[in-house]
Amino acid sequence: MKIELEDGETGGRYVIRTHEGDAEMTFVKTGERMIIIDHTTMPQTMRRRGFGEALIRRIVADMREQGKKIAPLCPFAASQFRKHSDWSDLLA
């Protein structure tokens, strides 16, 4: 599954494009050391098929590599952080 990053000056999004539509996770940059995951959305037909988990795993890997912290305000992202204690080092 291909995940694209659209990165802007103040925020961006990770996107998976399919024939069913786009799954996306958006974030806001808060300085140079932290991001806020603020929204995850996808068509109903894409839910419960691993797209959301793929997006969160990618953003976690990218932020870990960049040495940034994450504030998961999006309910989906917050629930994933509760399930993965190994990501606790990234929590802002």
Protein backbone atom coordinates (compact mmCIF):
# COMPACT_ATOMS: atom_id res chain seq x y z
CA MET A 1 0.00 0.00 0.00
CA LYS A 2 1.49 3.31 -1.07
CA ILE A 3 1.36 6.17 1.43
CA GLU A 4 2.06 9.68 0.17
CA LEU A 5 3.16 12.58 2.35
CA GLU A 6 1.93 16.05 1.46
CA ASP A 7 4.04 18.32 3.66
CA GLY A 8 3.42 22.05 4.01
CA GLU A 9 4.85 24.86 6.07
CA THR A 10 2.33 24.58 8.92
CA GLY A 11 1.07 21.03 8.50
CA GLY A 12 0.30 18.28 6.09
CA ARG A 13 -1.26 14.91 5.54
CA TYR A 14 -0.48 11.29 4.84
CA VAL A 15 -2.69 9.83 2.10
CA ILE A 16 -3.51 6.40 0.71
CA ARG A 17 -5.28 6.71 -2.64
CA THR A 18 -7.50 3.87 -3.87
CA HIS A 19 -10.31 3.43 -6.37
CA GLU A 20 -12.66 3.66 -3.36
CA GLY A 21 -11.35 7.09 -2.34
CA ASP A 22 -8.63 8.51 -0.13
CA ALA A 23 -7.71 7.58 3.43
CA GLU A 24 -5.91 10.45 5.12
CA MET A 25 -4.38 11.50 8.41
CA THR A 26 -3.74 15.21 8.83
CA PHE A 27 -1.33 16.94 11.17
CA VAL A 28 -0.37 20.43 12.32
CA LYS A 29 3.22 21.44 13.04
CA THR A 30 3.75 23.10 16.40
CA GLY A 31 7.30 24.30 16.26
CA GLU A 32 10.22 22.23 15.07
CA ARG A 33 9.93 19.37 17.58
CA MET A 34 6.25 18.42 17.69
CA ILE A 35 3.20 17.70 15.55
CA ILE A 36 -0.47 17.32 16.39
CA ILE A 37 -2.41 14.58 14.61
CA ASP A 38 -5.78 16.27 14.29
CA HIS A 39 -7.87 14.17 11.93
CA THR A 40 -8.17 10.78 10.25
CA THR A 41 -10.79 10.16 7.60
CA MET A 42 -11.65 7.65 4.92
CA PRO A 43 -14.67 6.36 3.02
CA GLN A 44 -16.85 3.95 5.00
CA THR A 45 -15.92 1.12 2.62
CA MET A 46 -12.25 1.47 3.60
CA ARG A 47 -12.78 1.22 7.35
CA ARG A 48 -11.62 -1.79 9.37
CA ARG A 49 -9.28 -2.88 6.57
CA GLY A 50 -5.94 -1.63 7.94
CA PHE A 51 -5.70 1.71 6.15
CA GLY A 52 -5.86 3.76 9.34
CA GLU A 53 -3.29 1.57 11.05
CA ALA A 54 -0.96 1.89 8.05
CA LEU A 55 -1.22 5.67 8.20
CA ILE A 56 -0.48 5.86 11.94
CA ARG A 57 2.44 3.44 11.65
CA ARG A 58 3.96 5.57 8.90
CA ILE A 59 3.62 8.83 10.80
CA VAL A 60 5.06 7.20 13.94
CA ALA A 61 8.05 5.88 11.97
CA ASP A 62 8.64 9.25 10.29
CA MET A 63 8.41 11.24 13.53
CA ARG A 64 10.66 8.79 15.36
CA GLU A 65 13.23 9.15 12.58
CA GLN A 66 12.98 12.95 12.74
CA GLY A 67 13.16 13.06 16.56
CA LYS A 68 9.75 14.72 16.89
CA LYS A 69 6.99 14.27 19.46
CA ILE A 70 3.34 13.61 18.62
CA ALA A 71 0.18 14.90 20.28
CA PRO A 72 -2.59 12.55 19.06
CA LEU A 73 -5.71 14.70 19.36
CA CYS A 74 -7.58 12.71 16.72
CA PRO A 75 -9.64 10.00 18.50
CA PHE A 76 -8.40 7.27 16.16
CA ALA A 77 -4.73 8.23 16.63
CA ALA A 78 -5.21 8.50 20.40
CA SER A 79 -6.74 5.01 20.51
CA GLN A 80 -3.80 3.61 18.55
CA PHE A 81 -1.31 5.19 20.97
CA ARG A 82 -3.19 3.56 23.88
CA LYS A 83 -2.82 0.17 22.14
CA HIS A 84 0.90 0.61 21.42
CA SER A 85 2.86 1.30 24.59
CA ASP A 86 6.05 1.05 22.51
CA TRP A 87 5.13 4.43 20.99
CA SER A 88 4.94 6.19 24.38
CA ASP A 89 8.38 7.75 23.86
CA LEU A 90 6.86 9.86 21.09
CA LEU A 91 3.98 11.28 23.12
CA ALA A 92 4.13 15.03 23.63
